[in-house]
Amino acid sequence: LHHPSMSRLLRRSLLPALLAGSALLLRDGRLLRCWWWLRQRWLRSFLTETDVVDPERLRRIGGVDVSFVKGSETDACAALVVLDAATLEVIHTSCRRVVLTAPYIP
């Protein structure tokens, strides 16, 4: 799936069609995980791995993470941290307990 022409094919035709029709098939847990796996691969095709802005113009940098409650596949804690780009000083933090509707797929 890493070939550029395959990525374009997935992004423009195959995956959107699968994603649109898959809602009817999600009764089984395995199908749900398969649907999310396909969706993640489709979203990956939009990933940009090169800088699109001048790093010198950045004023803030943010990061997010999700950590699961032990023994649960849906209960988790989501965290957000925002830093001043020049000093790396933490200027905002937020943490919320959340219930995930999508499975974790490494």
Protein backbone atom coordinates (compact mmCIF):
# COMPACT_ATOMS: atom_id res chain seq x y z
CA LEU A 1 0.00 0.00 0.00
CA HIS A 2 3.00 2.31 0.02
CA HIS A 3 3.33 2.68 -3.75
CA PRO A 4 2.31 6.24 -4.79
CA SER A 5 -0.13 5.14 -7.49
CA MET A 6 -1.76 2.67 -5.07
CA SER A 7 -2.06 5.41 -2.47
CA ARG A 8 -3.83 7.65 -5.00
CA LEU A 9 -6.16 4.81 -6.00
CA LEU A 10 -7.05 4.13 -2.38
CA ARG A 11 -7.58 7.79 -1.56
CA ARG A 12 -9.74 8.58 -4.59
CA SER A 13 -11.87 5.53 -5.15
CA LEU A 14 -11.52 2.24 -3.35
CA LEU A 15 -11.44 3.22 0.33
CA PRO A 16 -14.13 5.93 0.20
CA ALA A 17 -16.48 3.39 -1.38
CA LEU A 18 -15.62 0.77 1.23
CA LEU A 19 -16.02 3.26 4.06
CA ALA A 20 -19.39 4.45 2.81
CA GLY A 21 -20.84 0.95 2.53
CA SER A 22 -19.24 -0.61 5.58
CA ALA A 23 -21.58 0.88 8.20
CA LEU A 24 -24.09 -1.88 7.42
CA LEU A 25 -21.53 -4.61 8.17
CA LEU A 26 -20.25 -3.51 11.57
CA ARG A 27 -22.13 -5.93 13.81
CA ASP A 28 -19.13 -8.22 14.23
CA GLY A 29 -16.10 -6.95 16.20
CA ARG A 30 -13.67 -8.27 13.61
CA LEU A 31 -15.40 -6.29 10.88
CA LEU A 32 -15.27 -3.17 13.02
CA ARG A 33 -11.52 -3.56 13.52
CA CYS A 34 -11.08 -4.19 9.78
CA TRP A 35 -13.12 -1.07 8.97
CA TRP A 36 -10.98 1.07 11.29
CA TRP A 37 -7.78 -0.46 9.89
CA LEU A 38 -8.89 0.49 6.37
CA ARG A 39 -9.92 3.96 7.54
CA GLN A 40 -6.50 4.55 9.15
CA ARG A 41 -4.74 3.47 5.95
CA TRP A 42 -6.95 5.85 3.96
CA LEU A 43 -6.21 8.74 6.33
CA ARG A 44 -2.49 7.90 6.14
CA SER A 45 -2.62 8.66 2.41
CA PHE A 46 -3.20 12.33 3.34
CA LEU A 47 -0.17 12.50 5.66
CA THR A 48 2.41 15.18 4.88
CA GLU A 49 5.91 14.34 6.09
CA THR A 50 7.61 17.54 4.99
CA ASP A 51 7.46 20.99 6.57
CA VAL A 52 4.74 23.12 5.03
CA VAL A 53 5.47 26.20 7.15
CA ASP A 54 8.66 27.92 8.17
CA PRO A 55 9.53 26.58 11.66
CA GLU A 56 10.74 30.06 12.62
CA ARG A 57 7.17 31.34 12.27
CA LEU A 58 5.74 28.86 14.78
CA ARG A 59 4.60 30.39 18.05
CA ARG A 60 3.09 27.34 19.69
CA ILE A 61 3.58 23.58 19.50
CA GLY A 62 0.92 21.11 20.60
CA GLY A 63 0.89 17.42 21.28
CA VAL A 64 -1.79 14.89 22.15
CA ASP A 65 -1.80 11.37 23.54
CA VAL A 66 -4.34 8.80 24.70
CA SER A 67 -3.68 6.27 27.45
CA PHE A 68 -6.07 3.41 28.12
CA VAL A 69 -7.41 2.56 31.56
CA LYS A 70 -5.89 -0.79 32.52
CA GLY A 71 -8.07 -3.67 31.36
CA SER A 72 -10.32 -1.55 29.12
CA GLU A 73 -10.41 -1.19 25.36
CA THR A 74 -12.68 1.88 25.45
CA ASP A 75 -12.02 3.87 28.66
CA ALA A 76 -9.03 6.16 28.31
CA CYS A 77 -7.45 9.45 29.30
CA ALA A 78 -6.77 11.97 26.53
CA ALA A 79 -4.13 14.64 27.16
CA LEU A 80 -3.18 17.84 25.34
CA VAL A 81 -0.07 19.93 26.00
CA VAL A 82 0.75 23.23 24.30
CA LEU A 83 4.26 24.71 24.46
CA ASP A 84 5.70 28.09 23.62
CA ALA A 85 7.81 27.31 20.54
CA ALA A 86 10.64 29.67 21.47
CA THR A 87 11.12 28.67 25.11
CA LEU A 88 9.42 25.24 25.20
CA GLU A 89 7.57 26.46 28.30
CA VAL A 90 4.27 24.67 28.93
CA ILE A 91 1.50 27.22 28.41
CA HIS A 92 -1.55 24.94 28.46
CA THR A 93 -2.45 21.42 29.55
CA SER A 94 -5.72 19.56 29.47
CA CYS A 95 -6.62 16.02 30.43
CA ARG A 96 -10.01 14.35 30.04
CA ARG A 97 -11.37 10.90 30.63
CA VAL A 98 -12.90 9.69 27.38
CA VAL A 99 -14.77 6.70 26.02
CA LEU A 100 -13.37 5.68 22.66
CA THR A 101 -15.65 4.55 19.87
CA ALA A 102 -12.82 3.30 17.67
CA PRO A 103 -10.50 0.40 18.52
CA TYR A 104 -6.78 0.88 19.10
CA ILE A 105 -4.90 -0.47 16.08
CA PRO A 106 -1.10 -0.15 16.25
